[in-house]
Every structure is written in structure tokens, then in C-alpha cells.
Amino acid sequence: MDVRRKEAEVREKFLPKLARVLAKVPFAEDLLAAYYCALDKATPLRAKGILLGALAYFILPVDVVPDIVLGLGFTDDLAVLAAAFNVVRNHVTEAHRARAREALERLRRGAAVSA
């Protein structure tokens, strides 16, 4: 897996997609924490690669359960994220979670969020 390519794709597409589907994603805070952990220079490359893979799956236009399926659309995304978190949970810090909560509040207000 080319981590730099995945990181560039996630940086470009993750926040816009999350902003579009925010109301439908009950695990948005976890997604954002994974995003900030994956972009953190202190995160080890292996953990970064795992998280970027999970985030890339979230932004894919086509996946196992299409996101438009009411009630089930994001269950596969949640499963992929949960599996990634299980492997890298020690690297997702309280600082990543705090930044995620702040970003989530900004998104809910319609404000811009940066990486």
C-alpha cells in the first residue's frame, strides 16, 4: 500500500464526504479521531497505514453496503473502522479525540474544518 497516495486521497476527500453525510454517521467522532491520528507525524507508519486504509474505505464511492441504504449504509464502514481501531487503539490519543470533538462541533455548525 502506498501510504503517501492514500494520505493524499484521504486529505482531499474525507472531510467533504463526512460533512455531506454527517447526520447519518453516528460514529463521526471516531472517524475524525482516526483521521487526526492518521495525519499525526508521531503516529507510527504501520498504524498510519491501517487508519488510512479504513478512512479510504469510508470515502470510496462503492463499497460492500452502499452508503445510501437507509439504516445499513454505514455498517460496513463502521466494521472496517472498528477493526482498524482494534489494531491501533494505543495510537489514537486523547488529543486526537479532543480535536475530533472540536472538528465535529464545527462541522455541525457548518464551519470549515482543516486537517
N, C-alpha and C. Protein backbone atom coordinates (compact mmCIF):
# COMPACT_ATOMS: atom_id res chain seq x y z
N MET A 1 0.84 -1.19 0.00
CA MET A 1 0.00 0.00 0.00
C MET A 1 0.88 1.24 0.00
N ASP A 2 0.58 2.15 -0.85
CA ASP A 2 1.31 3.41 -0.93
C ASP A 2 0.69 4.39 0.06
N VAL A 3 1.32 4.55 1.23
CA VAL A 3 0.76 5.37 2.30
C VAL A 3 0.63 6.83 1.86
N ARG A 4 1.59 7.34 1.14
CA ARG A 4 1.52 8.75 0.70
C ARG A 4 0.34 8.99 -0.23
N ARG A 5 0.10 8.04 -1.14
CA ARG A 5 -1.02 8.18 -2.07
C ARG A 5 -2.34 8.12 -1.30
N LYS A 6 -2.45 7.17 -0.38
CA LYS A 6 -3.67 7.05 0.43
C LYS A 6 -3.87 8.30 1.28
N GLU A 7 -2.79 8.81 1.85
CA GLU A 7 -2.91 10.01 2.68
C GLU A 7 -3.40 11.19 1.85
N ALA A 8 -2.88 11.35 0.65
CA ALA A 8 -3.31 12.46 -0.21
C ALA A 8 -4.79 12.31 -0.57
N GLU A 9 -5.22 11.08 -0.85
CA GLU A 9 -6.62 10.84 -1.19
C GLU A 9 -7.53 11.13 0.00
N VAL A 10 -7.12 10.68 1.18
CA VAL A 10 -7.91 10.91 2.39
C VAL A 10 -7.96 12.40 2.71
N ARG A 11 -6.82 13.08 2.62
CA ARG A 11 -6.80 14.54 2.87
C ARG A 11 -7.76 15.28 1.95
N GLU A 12 -7.82 14.85 0.70
CA GLU A 12 -8.66 15.53 -0.28
C GLU A 12 -10.16 15.24 -0.11
N LYS A 13 -10.51 14.00 0.19
CA LYS A 13 -11.91 13.59 0.09
C LYS A 13 -12.61 13.33 1.42
N PHE A 14 -11.88 13.08 2.50
CA PHE A 14 -12.51 12.67 3.76
C PHE A 14 -13.43 13.74 4.35
N LEU A 15 -12.91 14.92 4.61
CA LEU A 15 -13.71 15.96 5.27
C LEU A 15 -14.93 16.37 4.45
N PRO A 16 -14.81 16.54 3.12
CA PRO A 16 -16.01 16.87 2.35
C PRO A 16 -17.08 15.78 2.42
N LYS A 17 -16.67 14.49 2.36
CA LYS A 17 -17.67 13.43 2.45
C LYS A 17 -18.30 13.41 3.83
N LEU A 18 -17.49 13.52 4.88
CA LEU A 18 -18.04 13.50 6.23
C LEU A 18 -19.03 14.65 6.42
N ALA A 19 -18.72 15.82 5.92
CA ALA A 19 -19.63 16.96 6.04
C ALA A 19 -20.96 16.67 5.34
N ARG A 20 -20.92 15.98 4.20
CA ARG A 20 -22.14 15.66 3.45
C ARG A 20 -23.02 14.64 4.17
N VAL A 21 -22.40 13.69 4.87
CA VAL A 21 -23.17 12.58 5.45
C VAL A 21 -23.22 12.62 6.97
N LEU A 22 -22.80 13.72 7.54
CA LEU A 22 -22.64 13.83 9.00
C LEU A 22 -23.87 13.36 9.78
N ALA A 23 -25.03 13.75 9.37
CA ALA A 23 -26.26 13.41 10.11
C ALA A 23 -26.53 11.90 10.10
N LYS A 24 -25.97 11.18 9.14
CA LYS A 24 -26.23 9.75 9.01
C LYS A 24 -25.14 8.88 9.65
N VAL A 25 -24.09 9.47 10.16
CA VAL A 25 -22.94 8.70 10.65
C VAL A 25 -22.81 8.86 12.16
N PRO A 26 -23.32 7.88 12.92
CA PRO A 26 -23.26 8.00 14.38
C PRO A 26 -21.86 7.86 14.96
N PHE A 27 -20.91 7.39 14.16
CA PHE A 27 -19.54 7.21 14.64
C PHE A 27 -18.59 8.26 14.05
N ALA A 28 -19.13 9.44 13.77
CA ALA A 28 -18.34 10.51 13.16
C ALA A 28 -17.15 10.91 14.02
N GLU A 29 -17.34 10.96 15.34
CA GLU A 29 -16.22 11.35 16.22
C GLU A 29 -15.06 10.35 16.10
N ASP A 30 -15.38 9.07 16.03
CA ASP A 30 -14.33 8.06 15.87
C ASP A 30 -13.64 8.20 14.53
N LEU A 31 -14.41 8.48 13.48
CA LEU A 31 -13.82 8.71 12.16
C LEU A 31 -12.84 9.87 12.20
N LEU A 32 -13.27 10.96 12.83
CA LEU A 32 -12.39 12.14 12.91
C LEU A 32 -11.16 11.86 13.76
N ALA A 33 -11.31 11.12 14.85
CA ALA A 33 -10.15 10.77 15.68
C ALA A 33 -9.17 9.93 14.87
N ALA A 34 -9.69 9.00 14.08
CA ALA A 34 -8.83 8.18 13.22
C ALA A 34 -8.13 9.06 12.18
N TYR A 35 -8.86 10.01 11.64
CA TYR A 35 -8.31 10.94 10.65
C TYR A 35 -7.14 11.73 11.25
N TYR A 36 -7.36 12.31 12.41
CA TYR A 36 -6.29 13.10 13.02
C TYR A 36 -5.12 12.24 13.47
N CYS A 37 -5.39 11.03 13.90
CA CYS A 37 -4.30 10.12 14.27
C CYS A 37 -3.49 9.75 13.02
N ALA A 38 -4.19 9.44 11.93
CA ALA A 38 -3.51 9.05 10.70
C ALA A 38 -2.64 10.17 10.14
N LEU A 39 -3.03 11.41 10.35
CA LEU A 39 -2.26 12.54 9.82
C LEU A 39 -1.20 13.04 10.80
N ASP A 40 -1.18 12.50 11.99
CA ASP A 40 -0.21 12.90 13.02
C ASP A 40 1.17 12.35 12.68
N LYS A 41 2.16 13.21 12.62
CA LYS A 41 3.53 12.79 12.30
C LYS A 41 4.09 11.82 13.35
N ALA A 42 3.56 11.86 14.56
CA ALA A 42 4.04 10.97 15.62
C ALA A 42 3.46 9.56 15.53
N THR A 43 2.45 9.37 14.71
CA THR A 43 1.83 8.05 14.56
C THR A 43 2.76 7.15 13.75
N PRO A 44 3.06 5.96 14.25
CA PRO A 44 3.92 5.04 13.51
C PRO A 44 3.34 4.70 12.13
N LEU A 45 4.21 4.42 11.19
CA LEU A 45 3.81 4.19 9.80
C LEU A 45 2.80 3.05 9.69
N ARG A 46 2.98 1.97 10.42
CA ARG A 46 2.05 0.84 10.35
C ARG A 46 0.64 1.26 10.78
N ALA A 47 0.55 1.96 11.89
CA ALA A 47 -0.75 2.43 12.38
C ALA A 47 -1.36 3.42 11.40
N LYS A 48 -0.52 4.31 10.87
CA LYS A 48 -0.98 5.29 9.89
C LYS A 48 -1.56 4.58 8.67
N GLY A 49 -0.87 3.55 8.19
CA GLY A 49 -1.34 2.81 7.02
C GLY A 49 -2.67 2.13 7.26
N ILE A 50 -2.84 1.53 8.43
CA ILE A 50 -4.09 0.86 8.78
C ILE A 50 -5.24 1.86 8.84
N LEU A 51 -5.01 2.98 9.50
CA LEU A 51 -6.06 4.00 9.62
C LEU A 51 -6.39 4.62 8.26
N LEU A 52 -5.38 4.90 7.47
CA LEU A 52 -5.63 5.48 6.14
C LEU A 52 -6.42 4.51 5.27
N GLY A 53 -6.15 3.21 5.41
CA GLY A 53 -6.92 2.21 4.67
C GLY A 53 -8.39 2.24 5.08
N ALA A 54 -8.65 2.32 6.39
CA ALA A 54 -10.03 2.37 6.87
C ALA A 54 -10.72 3.65 6.42
N LEU A 55 -10.01 4.77 6.46
CA LEU A 55 -10.59 6.04 6.03
C LEU A 55 -10.82 6.06 4.52
N ALA A 56 -9.91 5.45 3.78
CA ALA A 56 -10.08 5.36 2.33
C ALA A 56 -11.31 4.53 2.00
N TYR A 57 -11.57 3.48 2.76
CA TYR A 57 -12.77 2.68 2.56
C TYR A 57 -14.02 3.53 2.78
N PHE A 58 -13.98 4.37 3.79
CA PHE A 58 -15.12 5.26 4.07
C PHE A 58 -15.42 6.19 2.90
N ILE A 59 -14.39 6.69 2.23
CA ILE A 59 -14.62 7.65 1.16
C ILE A 59 -14.86 7.00 -0.20
N LEU A 60 -14.69 5.68 -0.29
CA LEU A 60 -14.95 5.01 -1.56
C LEU A 60 -16.40 5.22 -1.99
N PRO A 61 -16.61 5.51 -3.27
CA PRO A 61 -17.98 5.72 -3.73
C PRO A 61 -18.79 4.42 -3.75
N VAL A 62 -18.12 3.28 -3.88
CA VAL A 62 -18.79 1.98 -3.92
C VAL A 62 -18.14 1.09 -2.87
N ASP A 63 -18.98 0.49 -2.01
CA ASP A 63 -18.44 -0.45 -1.04
C ASP A 63 -19.42 -1.59 -0.84
N VAL A 64 -19.16 -2.46 0.12
CA VAL A 64 -19.96 -3.66 0.31
C VAL A 64 -21.44 -3.33 0.51
N VAL A 65 -21.73 -2.42 1.42
CA VAL A 65 -23.11 -1.96 1.64
C VAL A 65 -23.14 -0.49 1.22
N PRO A 66 -23.82 -0.19 0.11
CA PRO A 66 -23.85 1.21 -0.36
C PRO A 66 -24.32 2.17 0.73
N ASP A 67 -23.67 3.31 0.82
CA ASP A 67 -23.96 4.28 1.87
C ASP A 67 -25.39 4.82 1.80
N ILE A 68 -26.03 4.70 0.66
CA ILE A 68 -27.39 5.23 0.53
C ILE A 68 -28.46 4.30 1.09
N VAL A 69 -28.09 3.06 1.45
CA VAL A 69 -29.05 2.12 2.01
C VAL A 69 -29.42 2.58 3.41
N LEU A 70 -30.66 2.98 3.57
CA LEU A 70 -31.14 3.55 4.82
C LEU A 70 -30.95 2.57 5.99
N GLY A 71 -30.30 3.03 7.03
CA GLY A 71 -30.12 2.24 8.24
C GLY A 71 -28.94 1.28 8.21
N LEU A 72 -28.52 0.86 7.04
CA LEU A 72 -27.41 -0.10 6.94
C LEU A 72 -26.21 0.45 6.19
N GLY A 73 -26.37 1.56 5.54
CA GLY A 73 -25.36 2.07 4.62
C GLY A 73 -23.97 2.26 5.18
N PHE A 74 -23.86 2.54 6.46
CA PHE A 74 -22.53 2.79 7.02
C PHE A 74 -22.08 1.67 7.96
N THR A 75 -22.82 0.57 8.00
CA THR A 75 -22.43 -0.51 8.91
C THR A 75 -21.11 -1.15 8.50
N ASP A 76 -20.88 -1.31 7.21
CA ASP A 76 -19.61 -1.87 6.77
C ASP A 76 -18.45 -0.91 7.05
N ASP A 77 -18.71 0.38 6.90
CA ASP A 77 -17.68 1.38 7.21
C ASP A 77 -17.33 1.32 8.69
N LEU A 78 -18.34 1.17 9.53
CA LEU A 78 -18.12 1.06 10.97
C LEU A 78 -17.32 -0.19 11.30
N ALA A 79 -17.64 -1.30 10.65
CA ALA A 79 -16.91 -2.55 10.90
C ALA A 79 -15.44 -2.41 10.53
N VAL A 80 -15.16 -1.78 9.40
CA VAL A 80 -13.77 -1.58 8.97
C VAL A 80 -13.05 -0.67 9.96
N LEU A 81 -13.71 0.41 10.37
CA LEU A 81 -13.09 1.33 11.33
C LEU A 81 -12.85 0.64 12.68
N ALA A 82 -13.82 -0.15 13.13
CA ALA A 82 -13.66 -0.85 14.41
C ALA A 82 -12.49 -1.83 14.36
N ALA A 83 -12.35 -2.52 13.25
CA ALA A 83 -11.22 -3.45 13.10
C ALA A 83 -9.90 -2.69 13.12
N ALA A 84 -9.86 -1.55 12.43
CA ALA A 84 -8.64 -0.74 12.42
C ALA A 84 -8.32 -0.24 13.83
N PHE A 85 -9.34 0.26 14.53
CA PHE A 85 -9.14 0.76 15.90
C PHE A 85 -8.63 -0.34 16.82
N ASN A 86 -9.13 -1.54 16.63
CA ASN A 86 -8.71 -2.65 17.47
C ASN A 86 -7.21 -2.88 17.36
N VAL A 87 -6.66 -2.69 16.17
CA VAL A 87 -5.24 -2.91 15.94
C VAL A 87 -4.39 -1.73 16.43
N VAL A 88 -4.89 -0.52 16.28
CA VAL A 88 -4.06 0.67 16.56
C VAL A 88 -4.55 1.50 17.74
N ARG A 89 -5.41 0.96 18.56
CA ARG A 89 -6.06 1.74 19.62
C ARG A 89 -5.09 2.49 20.53
N ASN A 90 -3.90 1.97 20.72
CA ASN A 90 -2.93 2.65 21.59
C ASN A 90 -2.36 3.92 20.96
N HIS A 91 -2.57 4.09 19.68
CA HIS A 91 -2.03 5.27 18.99
C HIS A 91 -3.05 6.40 18.85
N VAL A 92 -4.33 6.09 19.04
CA VAL A 92 -5.36 7.13 18.99
C VAL A 92 -5.42 7.75 20.39
N THR A 93 -4.90 8.95 20.50
CA THR A 93 -4.73 9.59 21.81
C THR A 93 -5.93 10.46 22.18
N GLU A 94 -5.91 10.90 23.41
CA GLU A 94 -6.96 11.83 23.86
C GLU A 94 -6.86 13.14 23.08
N ALA A 95 -5.67 13.54 22.68
CA ALA A 95 -5.52 14.75 21.86
C ALA A 95 -6.22 14.59 20.51
N HIS A 96 -6.12 13.40 19.91
CA HIS A 96 -6.82 13.14 18.64
C HIS A 96 -8.32 13.20 18.86
N ARG A 97 -8.77 12.63 19.95
CA ARG A 97 -10.21 12.62 20.25
C ARG A 97 -10.73 14.03 20.55
N ALA A 98 -9.94 14.82 21.27
CA ALA A 98 -10.35 16.20 21.57
C ALA A 98 -10.44 17.01 20.28
N ARG A 99 -9.47 16.84 19.42
CA ARG A 99 -9.50 17.55 18.14
C ARG A 99 -10.70 17.10 17.30
N ALA A 100 -11.03 15.81 17.39
CA ALA A 100 -12.18 15.28 16.67
C ALA A 100 -13.48 15.90 17.19
N ARG A 101 -13.61 16.01 18.50
CA ARG A 101 -14.83 16.61 19.07
C ARG A 101 -14.97 18.06 18.63
N GLU A 102 -13.86 18.78 18.64
CA GLU A 102 -13.87 20.19 18.20
C GLU A 102 -14.26 20.29 16.72
N ALA A 103 -13.67 19.45 15.90
CA ALA A 103 -13.98 19.46 14.47
C ALA A 103 -15.44 19.08 14.22
N LEU A 104 -15.94 18.12 14.97
CA LEU A 104 -17.32 17.70 14.83
C LEU A 104 -18.28 18.83 15.14
N GLU A 105 -18.00 19.58 16.18
CA GLU A 105 -18.84 20.73 16.51
C GLU A 105 -18.80 21.78 15.40
N ARG A 106 -17.63 22.01 14.84
CA ARG A 106 -17.50 22.96 13.73
C ARG A 106 -18.31 22.49 12.52
N LEU A 107 -18.22 21.20 12.20
CA LEU A 107 -18.96 20.65 11.07
C LEU A 107 -20.47 20.78 11.28
N ARG A 108 -20.91 20.54 12.50
CA ARG A 108 -22.35 20.63 12.79
C ARG A 108 -22.86 22.06 12.66
N ARG A 109 -21.97 23.01 12.88
CA ARG A 109 -22.34 24.43 12.72
C ARG A 109 -22.19 24.88 11.27
N GLY A 110 -21.66 24.00 10.43
CA GLY A 110 -21.45 24.36 9.03
C GLY A 110 -20.16 25.09 8.77
N ALA A 111 -19.28 25.12 9.76
CA ALA A 111 -17.99 25.81 9.62
C ALA A 111 -16.97 24.89 8.96
N ALA A 112 -15.95 25.49 8.42
CA ALA A 112 -14.88 24.73 7.77
C ALA A 112 -14.01 24.06 8.81
N VAL A 113 -13.46 22.90 8.43
CA VAL A 113 -12.55 22.14 9.28
C VAL A 113 -11.31 21.85 8.45
N SER A 114 -10.16 21.94 9.09
CA SER A 114 -8.92 21.66 8.37
C SER A 114 -8.22 20.44 8.95
N ALA A 115 -7.28 19.95 8.18
CA ALA A 115 -6.52 18.76 8.58
C ALA A 115 -5.64 19.01 9.77
